[in-house]
Amino acid sequence: MLTDSKIEGWLREDLGHHDVTNQVPGDTEGRLVARDAGVAAGLDAALAVFEYLDCEAERAVAEGDRIEAGDAVLTVSGPARAVLRGERVAVNVAGHASGVATKTREAVDAARAALEDAASDRTGDAGEGVDDVRIAGTRKTTPGLRGVEKRAIVAGGGDTHRLDLSHMVMVKDNHVAEMGLEDAVAHFRERTSFTTKIEVEVERPADAPRAATAGADIVLLDNMTPAETEDAVDRLRETTADLGREVLAEASGGITVEDVPDYARTGVDVISMGALTHSAPTLDLSFRTGAE
């Protein structure tokens, strides 16, 4: 939830001790305009900034809409001093969020295209029999902006993954080093609610069945090549068939948009990418006042 205190913090950071730049009399109108094509996101946060300053603001597009260079994404009116004070914060947050959404959409589209091509090769009909793979974010978010960035991932068609540490147990390499894989899963299973999923990180294909047998709900295939990932998925599917329950396979570890097609074809259920947030370029937005 975007609180007034967070918005005030953003504004105070930009205004400093005394605003000598925006002492402009009268009222004005403005619009937030895209200078690049991409996917719109962060508009709720930008609106909240202007509304906090008692301006009237309205979206011109919806979160997740594709936008072209020159498209207005938001309009605002109010006292010129307030509009100009909110401008930079609104541009920065919406530009950053739109960059995350755009990069996410690129990954989602790349995965979908790869699966459609694979299905076409099998059946001769594009789109027929296409499996699904989710593109997900990670906790590699900017401190203080996780909510904005996670919403931007959703706007781009991705999955948020866990929002924070309370949403799921993730048994990582350090846990395994301290307790061993099976004992670590048992340790956390005893201490969590039946509603809490357990994900286990493995670094070798042979350990994927071990994690499933130990009780993992999701197996994270960490830093594996596409070939290793496909091997791990095959092993995991054989094991889950014997177990009689579904265990999701997730690929992660330095995966880029360019890598997505190769991983999508491995049969994984989820491809998680820290690059969606920590390496997304800002979508170039501009704030303009006065007549168009």
C-alpha atoms as a PDB file:
ATOM      1  CA  MET A   1       0.000   0.000   0.000  1.00  0.00           C
ATOM      2  CA  LEU A   2       1.321   3.429  -0.967  1.00  0.00           C
ATOM      3  CA  THR A   3       1.026   5.585   2.140  1.00  0.00           C
ATOM      4  CA  ASP A   4       1.016   9.369   2.537  1.00  0.00           C
ATOM      5  CA  SER A   5       4.210   9.120   4.552  1.00  0.00           C
ATOM      6  CA  LYS A   6       6.021   7.373   1.692  1.00  0.00           C
ATOM      7  CA  ILE A   7       4.829   9.995  -0.818  1.00  0.00           C
ATOM      8  CA  GLU A   8       5.861  12.764   1.553  1.00  0.00           C
ATOM      9  CA  GLY A   9       9.280  11.136   1.873  1.00  0.00           C
ATOM     10  CA  TRP A  10       9.694  11.090  -1.896  1.00  0.00           C
ATOM     11  CA  LEU A  11       8.720  14.760  -2.142  1.00  0.00           C
ATOM     12  CA  ARG A  12      10.910  15.861   0.746  1.00  0.00           C
ATOM     13  CA  GLU A  13      13.890  14.124  -0.827  1.00  0.00           C
ATOM     14  CA  ASP A  14      13.372  16.170  -4.002  1.00  0.00           C
ATOM     15  CA  LEU A  15      12.378  19.489  -2.429  1.00  0.00           C
ATOM     16  CA  GLY A  16      15.155  19.700   0.140  1.00  0.00           C
ATOM     17  CA  HIS A  17      15.077  22.549   2.676  1.00  0.00           C
ATOM     18  CA  HIS A  18      13.578  25.221   0.433  1.00  0.00           C
ATOM     19  CA  ASP A  19      12.115  25.040  -3.068  1.00  0.00           C
ATOM     20  CA  VAL A  20      13.502  28.012  -4.992  1.00  0.00           C
ATOM     21  CA  THR A  21      12.651  26.575  -8.419  1.00  0.00           C
ATOM     22  CA  ASN A  22       8.892  26.200  -8.504  1.00  0.00           C
ATOM     23  CA  GLN A  23       7.645  29.510  -7.084  1.00  0.00           C
ATOM     24  CA  VAL A  24       5.250  29.893 -10.024  1.00  0.00           C
ATOM     25  CA  PRO A  25       1.909  31.720  -9.579  1.00  0.00           C
ATOM     26  CA  GLY A  26      -1.471  30.695 -10.978  1.00  0.00           C
ATOM     27  CA  ASP A  27      -2.901  27.411 -12.158  1.00  0.00           C
ATOM     28  CA  THR A  28      -1.717  25.142 -14.926  1.00  0.00           C
ATOM     29  CA  GLU A  29      -2.361  21.884 -16.728  1.00  0.00           C
ATOM     30  CA  GLY A  30       0.172  19.224 -17.570  1.00  0.00           C
ATOM     31  CA  ARG A  31       0.546  15.787 -19.053  1.00  0.00           C
ATOM     32  CA  LEU A  32       2.972  12.925 -18.698  1.00  0.00           C
ATOM     33  CA  VAL A  33       4.071  11.890 -22.187  1.00  0.00           C
ATOM     34  CA  ALA A  34       5.982   8.832 -23.371  1.00  0.00           C
ATOM     35  CA  ARG A  35       9.091   9.510 -25.413  1.00  0.00           C
ATOM     36  CA  ASP A  36       9.645   5.790 -26.050  1.00  0.00           C
ATOM     37  CA  ALA A  37       7.340   2.892 -26.836  1.00  0.00           C
ATOM     38  CA  GLY A  38       6.757   0.489 -23.958  1.00  0.00           C
ATOM     39  CA  VAL A  39       4.296  -0.686 -21.318  1.00  0.00           C
ATOM     40  CA  ALA A  40       2.684   1.760 -18.894  1.00  0.00           C
ATOM     41  CA  ALA A  41       3.074   1.180 -15.154  1.00  0.00           C
ATOM     42  CA  GLY A  42       3.479   3.170 -11.956  1.00  0.00           C
ATOM     43  CA  LEU A  43       0.572   5.436 -12.871  1.00  0.00           C
ATOM     44  CA  ASP A  44      -1.219   4.824  -9.567  1.00  0.00           C
ATOM     45  CA  ALA A  45       1.893   6.024  -7.746  1.00  0.00           C
ATOM     46  CA  ALA A  46       2.249   9.067 -10.010  1.00  0.00           C
ATOM     47  CA  LEU A  47      -1.432   9.930  -9.469  1.00  0.00           C
ATOM     48  CA  ALA A  48      -0.990   9.586  -5.723  1.00  0.00           C
ATOM     49  CA  VAL A  49       1.886  12.086  -5.785  1.00  0.00           C
ATOM     50  CA  PHE A  50      -0.223  14.750  -7.498  1.00  0.00           C
ATOM     51  CA  GLU A  51      -3.293  14.030  -5.383  1.00  0.00           C
ATOM     52  CA  TYR A  52      -1.176  14.397  -2.236  1.00  0.00           C
ATOM     53  CA  LEU A  53      -0.369  17.906  -3.496  1.00  0.00           C
ATOM     54  CA  ASP A  54      -4.107  18.644  -3.980  1.00  0.00           C
ATOM     55  CA  CYS A  55      -3.936  18.500  -7.767  1.00  0.00           C
ATOM     56  CA  GLU A  56      -6.457  16.773  -9.994  1.00  0.00           C
ATOM     57  CA  ALA A  57      -4.893  13.936 -11.960  1.00  0.00           C
ATOM     58  CA  GLU A  58      -6.278  11.282 -14.277  1.00  0.00           C
ATOM     59  CA  ARG A  59      -4.828   8.335 -16.173  1.00  0.00           C
ATOM     60  CA  ALA A  60      -4.941   8.547 -19.946  1.00  0.00           C
ATOM     61  CA  VAL A  61      -4.109   4.832 -20.271  1.00  0.00           C
ATOM     62  CA  ALA A  62      -4.415   1.791 -18.033  1.00  0.00           C
ATOM     63  CA  GLU A  63      -1.622   0.005 -16.203  1.00  0.00           C
ATOM     64  CA  GLY A  64      -0.236  -2.619 -18.559  1.00  0.00           C
ATOM     65  CA  ASP A  65      -1.295  -0.860 -21.766  1.00  0.00           C
ATOM     66  CA  ARG A  66       1.196  -0.700 -24.604  1.00  0.00           C
ATOM     67  CA  ILE A  67       2.122   2.901 -25.354  1.00  0.00           C
ATOM     68  CA  GLU A  68       3.890   4.582 -28.247  1.00  0.00           C
ATOM     69  CA  ALA A  69       6.197   7.575 -28.317  1.00  0.00           C
ATOM     70  CA  GLY A  70       4.074  10.717 -28.041  1.00  0.00           C
ATOM     71  CA  ASP A  71       1.239   9.083 -26.089  1.00  0.00           C
ATOM     72  CA  ALA A  72       0.015  10.921 -22.988  1.00  0.00           C
ATOM     73  CA  VAL A  73      -0.246   8.511 -20.057  1.00  0.00           C
ATOM     74  CA  LEU A  74      -1.480  10.917 -17.375  1.00  0.00           C
ATOM     75  CA  THR A  75      -3.000  14.413 -17.205  1.00  0.00           C
ATOM     76  CA  VAL A  76      -2.948  16.785 -14.244  1.00  0.00           C
ATOM     77  CA  SER A  77      -4.239  20.239 -13.333  1.00  0.00           C
ATOM     78  CA  GLY A  78      -3.910  22.478 -10.295  1.00  0.00           C
ATOM     79  CA  PRO A  79      -1.779  25.244  -8.803  1.00  0.00           C
ATOM     80  CA  ALA A  80       1.346  25.583 -10.936  1.00  0.00           C
ATOM     81  CA  ARG A  81       3.571  25.447  -7.876  1.00  0.00           C
ATOM     82  CA  ALA A  82       2.090  22.100  -6.789  1.00  0.00           C
ATOM     83  CA  VAL A  83       2.048  20.597 -10.287  1.00  0.00           C
ATOM     84  CA  LEU A  84       5.701  21.435 -10.831  1.00  0.00           C
ATOM     85  CA  ARG A  85       6.662  20.171  -7.389  1.00  0.00           C
ATOM     86  CA  GLY A  86       5.140  16.776  -8.125  1.00  0.00           C
ATOM     87  CA  GLU A  87       6.438  16.546 -11.674  1.00  0.00           C
ATOM     88  CA  ARG A  88       9.892  15.045 -11.146  1.00  0.00           C
ATOM     89  CA  VAL A  89       8.822  12.481  -8.550  1.00  0.00           C
ATOM     90  CA  ALA A  90       5.905  11.380 -10.757  1.00  0.00           C
ATOM     91  CA  VAL A  91       8.126  11.140 -13.837  1.00  0.00           C
ATOM     92  CA  ASN A  92      10.792   9.175 -11.989  1.00  0.00           C
ATOM     93  CA  VAL A  93       8.487   6.635 -10.374  1.00  0.00           C
ATOM     94  CA  ALA A  94       6.330   6.104 -13.474  1.00  0.00           C
ATOM     95  CA  GLY A  95       9.368   5.937 -15.756  1.00  0.00           C
ATOM     96  CA  HIS A  96      11.071   3.365 -13.548  1.00  0.00           C
ATOM     97  CA  ALA A  97       7.930   1.267 -13.154  1.00  0.00           C
ATOM     98  CA  SER A  98       7.178   1.438 -16.881  1.00  0.00           C
ATOM     99  CA  GLY A  99      10.715   0.270 -17.590  1.00  0.00           C
ATOM    100  CA  VAL A 100      10.175  -2.755 -15.346  1.00  0.00           C
ATOM    101  CA  ALA A 101       6.822  -3.485 -17.006  1.00  0.00           C
ATOM    102  CA  THR A 102       8.334  -3.136 -20.476  1.00  0.00           C
ATOM    103  CA  LYS A 103      11.187  -5.521 -19.718  1.00  0.00           C
ATOM    104  CA  THR A 104       8.739  -7.990 -18.175  1.00  0.00           C
ATOM    105  CA  ARG A 105       6.505  -7.874 -21.253  1.00  0.00           C
ATOM    106  CA  GLU A 106       9.546  -8.536 -23.456  1.00  0.00           C
ATOM    107  CA  ALA A 107      10.347 -11.646 -21.409  1.00  0.00           C
ATOM    108  CA  VAL A 108       6.717 -12.827 -21.403  1.00  0.00           C
ATOM    109  CA  ASP A 109       6.469 -12.367 -25.175  1.00  0.00           C
ATOM    110  CA  ALA A 110       9.783 -14.143 -25.740  1.00  0.00           C
ATOM    111  CA  ALA A 111       8.633 -17.139 -23.691  1.00  0.00           C
ATOM    112  CA  ARG A 112       5.287 -17.291 -25.437  1.00  0.00           C
ATOM    113  CA  ALA A 113       6.854 -17.101 -28.899  1.00  0.00           C
ATOM    114  CA  ALA A 114       9.313 -19.883 -28.061  1.00  0.00           C
ATOM    115  CA  LEU A 115       6.531 -22.160 -26.830  1.00  0.00           C
ATOM    116  CA  GLU A 116       4.360 -21.417 -29.862  1.00  0.00           C
ATOM    117  CA  ASP A 117       7.261 -22.267 -32.167  1.00  0.00           C
ATOM    118  CA  ALA A 118       7.895 -25.494 -30.270  1.00  0.00           C
ATOM    119  CA  ALA A 119       4.209 -26.422 -30.443  1.00  0.00           C
ATOM    120  CA  SER A 120       4.129 -25.653 -34.161  1.00  0.00           C
ATOM    121  CA  ASP A 121       7.114 -27.928 -34.727  1.00  0.00           C
ATOM    122  CA  ARG A 122       5.268 -30.742 -32.919  1.00  0.00           C
ATOM    123  CA  THR A 123       1.796 -30.309 -34.371  1.00  0.00           C
ATOM    124  CA  GLY A 124       2.162 -28.158 -37.458  1.00  0.00           C
ATOM    125  CA  ASP A 125      -0.363 -25.660 -36.036  1.00  0.00           C
ATOM    126  CA  ALA A 126       1.018 -22.526 -34.390  1.00  0.00           C
ATOM    127  CA  GLY A 127      -0.404 -22.006 -30.912  1.00  0.00           C
ATOM    128  CA  GLU A 128      -1.915 -25.480 -30.631  1.00  0.00           C
ATOM    129  CA  GLY A 129      -0.852 -27.418 -27.564  1.00  0.00           C
ATOM    130  CA  VAL A 130       1.176 -24.526 -26.165  1.00  0.00           C
ATOM    131  CA  ASP A 131       2.279 -25.118 -22.599  1.00  0.00           C
ATOM    132  CA  ASP A 132       2.564 -22.220 -20.202  1.00  0.00           C
ATOM    133  CA  VAL A 133       5.529 -20.806 -18.320  1.00  0.00           C
ATOM    134  CA  ARG A 134       5.370 -17.929 -15.882  1.00  0.00           C
ATOM    135  CA  ILE A 135       7.870 -15.104 -15.895  1.00  0.00           C
ATOM    136  CA  ALA A 136       8.398 -14.039 -12.292  1.00  0.00           C
ATOM    137  CA  GLY A 137      10.261 -11.366 -10.398  1.00  0.00           C
ATOM    138  CA  THR A 138      12.487 -11.898  -7.356  1.00  0.00           C
ATOM    139  CA  ARG A 139      13.280 -10.070  -4.106  1.00  0.00           C
ATOM    140  CA  LYS A 140      16.066  -8.186  -5.918  1.00  0.00           C
ATOM    141  CA  THR A 141      14.078  -4.970  -5.710  1.00  0.00           C
ATOM    142  CA  THR A 142      14.990  -1.394  -4.841  1.00  0.00           C
ATOM    143  CA  PRO A 143      14.560  -0.787  -1.084  1.00  0.00           C
ATOM    144  CA  GLY A 144      11.438   1.290  -0.535  1.00  0.00           C
ATOM    145  CA  LEU A 145      10.107   0.602  -4.041  1.00  0.00           C
ATOM    146  CA  ARG A 146       9.236  -3.088  -3.854  1.00  0.00           C
ATOM    147  CA  GLY A 147       5.486  -2.489  -4.043  1.00  0.00           C
ATOM    148  CA  VAL A 148       5.852  -0.245  -7.091  1.00  0.00           C
ATOM    149  CA  GLU A 149       8.193  -2.683  -8.829  1.00  0.00           C
ATOM    150  CA  LYS A 150       6.119  -5.774  -8.073  1.00  0.00           C
ATOM    151  CA  ARG A 151       2.993  -4.072  -9.436  1.00  0.00           C
ATOM    152  CA  ALA A 152       4.976  -3.136 -12.530  1.00  0.00           C
ATOM    153  CA  ILE A 153       5.877  -6.793 -13.070  1.00  0.00           C
ATOM    154  CA  VAL A 154       2.180  -7.664 -12.953  1.00  0.00           C
ATOM    155  CA  ALA A 155       1.409  -4.831 -15.389  1.00  0.00           C
ATOM    156  CA  GLY A 156       3.934  -6.376 -17.758  1.00  0.00           C
ATOM    157  CA  GLY A 157       2.203  -9.752 -17.562  1.00  0.00           C
ATOM    158  CA  GLY A 158       4.569 -11.354 -15.053  1.00  0.00           C
ATOM    159  CA  ASP A 159       4.184 -12.990 -11.664  1.00  0.00           C
ATOM    160  CA  THR A 160       5.275 -11.250  -8.471  1.00  0.00           C
ATOM    161  CA  HIS A 161       6.852 -14.365  -6.889  1.00  0.00           C
ATOM    162  CA  ARG A 162       6.970 -13.978  -3.100  1.00  0.00           C
ATOM    163  CA  LEU A 163       6.520 -10.406  -1.939  1.00  0.00           C
ATOM    164  CA  ASP A 164       8.596 -10.840   1.199  1.00  0.00           C
ATOM    165  CA  LEU A 165      10.100 -13.502   3.444  1.00  0.00           C
ATOM    166  CA  SER A 166       6.774 -14.290   5.103  1.00  0.00           C
ATOM    167  CA  HIS A 167       5.146 -15.588   1.916  1.00  0.00           C
ATOM    168  CA  MET A 168       7.112 -18.799   1.467  1.00  0.00           C
ATOM    169  CA  VAL A 169       9.977 -20.813   2.903  1.00  0.00           C
ATOM    170  CA  MET A 170      12.916 -20.960   0.525  1.00  0.00           C
ATOM    171  CA  VAL A 171      15.525 -23.546   1.453  1.00  0.00           C
ATOM    172  CA  LYS A 172      18.716 -22.180  -0.072  1.00  0.00           C
ATOM    173  CA  ASP A 173      22.275 -23.443  -0.354  1.00  0.00           C
ATOM    174  CA  ASN A 174      23.236 -22.047   3.059  1.00  0.00           C
ATOM    175  CA  HIS A 175      20.393 -23.936   4.749  1.00  0.00           C
ATOM    176  CA  VAL A 176      21.423 -27.138   2.987  1.00  0.00           C
ATOM    177  CA  ALA A 177      25.060 -26.603   3.978  1.00  0.00           C
ATOM    178  CA  GLU A 178      24.044 -26.199   7.621  1.00  0.00           C
ATOM    179  CA  MET A 179      21.412 -28.940   7.930  1.00  0.00           C
ATOM    180  CA  GLY A 180      21.433 -31.081   4.812  1.00  0.00           C
ATOM    181  CA  LEU A 181      18.677 -31.023   2.202  1.00  0.00           C
ATOM    182  CA  GLU A 182      16.236 -33.507   3.735  1.00  0.00           C
ATOM    183  CA  ASP A 183      16.718 -32.296   7.305  1.00  0.00           C
ATOM    184  CA  ALA A 184      16.301 -28.656   6.244  1.00  0.00           C
ATOM    185  CA  VAL A 185      12.964 -29.383   4.543  1.00  0.00           C
ATOM    186  CA  ALA A 186      11.760 -31.358   7.572  1.00  0.00           C
ATOM    187  CA  HIS A 187      12.911 -28.568   9.902  1.00  0.00           C
ATOM    188  CA  PHE A 188      10.854 -25.919   8.138  1.00  0.00           C
ATOM    189  CA  ARG A 189       7.868 -28.179   7.493  1.00  0.00           C
ATOM    190  CA  GLU A 190       7.509 -28.638  11.263  1.00  0.00           C
ATOM    191  CA  ARG A 191       7.607 -24.885  11.847  1.00  0.00           C
ATOM    192  CA  THR A 192       5.276 -23.547   9.163  1.00  0.00           C
ATOM    193  CA  SER A 193       1.553 -23.569   8.532  1.00  0.00           C
ATOM    194  CA  PHE A 194       0.051 -26.075   6.132  1.00  0.00           C
ATOM    195  CA  THR A 195      -0.744 -23.059   3.927  1.00  0.00           C
ATOM    196  CA  THR A 196       2.933 -22.138   3.496  1.00  0.00           C
ATOM    197  CA  LYS A 197       4.761 -23.561   0.511  1.00  0.00           C
ATOM    198  CA  ILE A 198       8.349 -24.722   0.674  1.00  0.00           C
ATOM    199  CA  GLU A 199      10.740 -24.140  -2.198  1.00  0.00           C
ATOM    200  CA  VAL A 200      14.114 -25.870  -2.326  1.00  0.00           C
ATOM    201  CA  GLU A 201      17.088 -24.554  -4.286  1.00  0.00           C
ATOM    202  CA  VAL A 202      19.269 -27.155  -6.014  1.00  0.00           C
ATOM    203  CA  GLU A 203      22.340 -26.695  -8.179  1.00  0.00           C
ATOM    204  CA  ARG A 204      22.549 -30.122  -9.827  1.00  0.00           C
ATOM    205  CA  PRO A 205      19.899 -31.969 -11.884  1.00  0.00           C
ATOM    206  CA  ALA A 206      20.304 -35.070  -9.699  1.00  0.00           C
ATOM    207  CA  ASP A 207      19.179 -33.114  -6.626  1.00  0.00           C
ATOM    208  CA  ALA A 208      15.828 -32.093  -8.097  1.00  0.00           C
ATOM    209  CA  PRO A 209      14.193 -35.498  -7.365  1.00  0.00           C
ATOM    210  CA  ARG A 210      15.745 -35.459  -3.884  1.00  0.00           C
ATOM    211  CA  ALA A 211      14.108 -32.122  -3.124  1.00  0.00           C
ATOM    212  CA  ALA A 212      10.704 -33.333  -4.346  1.00  0.00           C
ATOM    213  CA  THR A 213      10.934 -36.554  -2.368  1.00  0.00           C
ATOM    214  CA  ALA A 214      11.908 -34.578   0.741  1.00  0.00           C
ATOM    215  CA  GLY A 215       8.661 -32.615   0.458  1.00  0.00           C
ATOM    216  CA  ALA A 216       9.379 -29.543  -1.654  1.00  0.00           C
ATOM    217  CA  ASP A 217       6.395 -27.883  -3.309  1.00  0.00           C
ATOM    218  CA  ILE A 218       8.671 -26.047  -5.744  1.00  0.00           C
ATOM    219  CA  VAL A 219      12.186 -26.915  -6.852  1.00  0.00           C
ATOM    220  CA  LEU A 220      14.406 -23.997  -7.834  1.00  0.00           C
ATOM    221  CA  LEU A 221      16.924 -25.015 -10.489  1.00  0.00           C
ATOM    222  CA  ASP A 222      19.655 -22.507  -9.747  1.00  0.00           C
ATOM    223  CA  ASN A 223      22.292 -21.370 -12.223  1.00  0.00           C
ATOM    224  CA  MET A 224      21.817 -24.347 -14.522  1.00  0.00           C
ATOM    225  CA  THR A 225      22.291 -24.223 -18.279  1.00  0.00           C
ATOM    226  CA  PRO A 226      19.199 -24.845 -20.412  1.00  0.00           C
ATOM    227  CA  ALA A 227      20.420 -28.395 -21.075  1.00  0.00           C
ATOM    228  CA  GLU A 228      20.923 -29.045 -17.351  1.00  0.00           C
ATOM    229  CA  THR A 229      17.547 -27.472 -16.622  1.00  0.00           C
ATOM    230  CA  GLU A 230      15.798 -29.773 -19.101  1.00  0.00           C
ATOM    231  CA  ASP A 231      17.551 -32.776 -17.558  1.00  0.00           C
ATOM    232  CA  ALA A 232      16.438 -31.685 -14.075  1.00  0.00           C
ATOM    233  CA  VAL A 233      12.842 -31.157 -15.235  1.00  0.00           C
ATOM    234  CA  ASP A 234      12.727 -34.627 -16.793  1.00  0.00           C
ATOM    235  CA  ARG A 235      14.046 -36.202 -13.594  1.00  0.00           C
ATOM    236  CA  LEU A 236      11.593 -34.186 -11.524  1.00  0.00           C
ATOM    237  CA  ARG A 237       8.599 -35.210 -13.646  1.00  0.00           C
ATOM    238  CA  GLU A 238       9.489 -38.886 -13.288  1.00  0.00           C
ATOM    239  CA  THR A 239       9.724 -38.525  -9.524  1.00  0.00           C
ATOM    240  CA  THR A 240       6.484 -36.569  -9.124  1.00  0.00           C
ATOM    241  CA  ALA A 241       4.651 -39.173 -11.199  1.00  0.00           C
ATOM    242  CA  ASP A 242       5.710 -41.741  -8.600  1.00  0.00           C
ATOM    243  CA  LEU A 243       4.876 -39.389  -5.719  1.00  0.00           C
ATOM    244  CA  GLY A 244       1.420 -38.662  -7.135  1.00  0.00           C
ATOM    245  CA  ARG A 245       1.595 -34.907  -6.546  1.00  0.00           C
ATOM    246  CA  GLU A 246       2.587 -31.804  -8.468  1.00  0.00           C
ATOM    247  CA  VAL A 247       5.922 -30.150  -7.796  1.00  0.00           C
ATOM    248  CA  LEU A 248       6.690 -26.992  -9.745  1.00  0.00           C
ATOM    249  CA  ALA A 249      10.047 -26.468 -11.435  1.00  0.00           C
ATOM    250  CA  GLU A 250      11.530 -22.974 -11.423  1.00  0.00           C
ATOM    251  CA  ALA A 251      14.601 -21.847 -13.364  1.00  0.00           C
ATOM    252  CA  SER A 252      16.606 -18.946 -11.955  1.00  0.00           C
ATOM    253  CA  GLY A 253      20.058 -17.457 -11.834  1.00  0.00           C
ATOM    254  CA  GLY A 254      21.297 -14.716 -14.143  1.00  0.00           C
ATOM    255  CA  ILE A 255      18.648 -15.331 -16.810  1.00  0.00           C
ATOM    256  CA  THR A 256      18.246 -12.502 -19.317  1.00  0.00           C
ATOM    257  CA  VAL A 257      15.462 -11.740 -21.800  1.00  0.00           C
ATOM    258  CA  GLU A 258      17.709 -13.164 -24.522  1.00  0.00           C
ATOM    259  CA  ASP A 259      18.004 -16.436 -22.562  1.00  0.00           C
ATOM    260  CA  VAL A 260      14.257 -16.798 -21.969  1.00  0.00           C
ATOM    261  CA  PRO A 261      13.398 -18.786 -25.136  1.00  0.00           C
ATOM    262  CA  ASP A 262      15.983 -21.471 -24.360  1.00  0.00           C
ATOM    263  CA  TYR A 263      14.703 -21.863 -20.795  1.00  0.00           C
ATOM    264  CA  ALA A 264      11.039 -21.729 -21.814  1.00  0.00           C
ATOM    265  CA  ARG A 265      11.568 -24.789 -24.023  1.00  0.00           C
ATOM    266  CA  THR A 266      12.967 -26.861 -21.135  1.00  0.00           C
ATOM    267  CA  GLY A 267       9.535 -27.531 -19.618  1.00  0.00           C
ATOM    268  CA  VAL A 268       9.950 -25.441 -16.470  1.00  0.00           C
ATOM    269  CA  ASP A 269       6.837 -23.923 -14.908  1.00  0.00           C
ATOM    270  CA  VAL A 270       8.461 -20.658 -13.825  1.00  0.00           C
ATOM    271  CA  ILE A 271      11.385 -18.551 -14.991  1.00  0.00           C
ATOM    272  CA  SER A 272      12.343 -16.041 -12.299  1.00  0.00           C
ATOM    273  CA  MET A 273      14.496 -13.075 -13.233  1.00  0.00           C
ATOM    274  CA  GLY A 274      16.128 -10.547 -10.944  1.00  0.00           C
ATOM    275  CA  ALA A 275      16.941  -8.567 -14.096  1.00  0.00           C
ATOM    276  CA  LEU A 276      13.299  -7.502 -14.367  1.00  0.00           C
ATOM    277  CA  THR A 277      13.878  -5.111 -11.483  1.00  0.00           C
ATOM    278  CA  HIS A 278      17.594  -4.632 -10.921  1.00  0.00           C
ATOM    279  CA  SER A 279      18.505  -4.126 -14.591  1.00  0.00           C
ATOM    280  CA  ALA A 280      15.407  -2.651 -16.230  1.00  0.00           C
ATOM    281  CA  PRO A 281      16.120   0.629 -18.059  1.00  0.00           C
ATOM    282  CA  THR A 282      13.805   3.518 -17.260  1.00  0.00           C
ATOM    283  CA  LEU A 283      11.188   4.211 -19.902  1.00  0.00           C
ATOM    284  CA  ASP A 284      11.759   7.770 -21.095  1.00  0.00           C
ATOM    285  CA  LEU A 285       8.831   9.947 -19.991  1.00  0.00           C
ATOM    286  CA  SER A 286       8.486  13.711 -20.167  1.00  0.00           C
ATOM    287  CA  PHE A 287       6.220  16.105 -18.273  1.00  0.00           C
ATOM    288  CA  ARG A 288       4.843  18.991 -20.292  1.00  0.00           C
ATOM    289  CA  THR A 289       2.693  21.904 -19.195  1.00  0.00           C
ATOM    290  CA  GLY A 290       0.569  24.289 -21.199  1.00  0.00           C
ATOM    291  CA  ALA A 291      -1.187  23.711 -24.527  1.00  0.00           C
ATOM    292  CA  GLU A 292      -0.262  20.696 -26.611  1.00  0.00           C
END
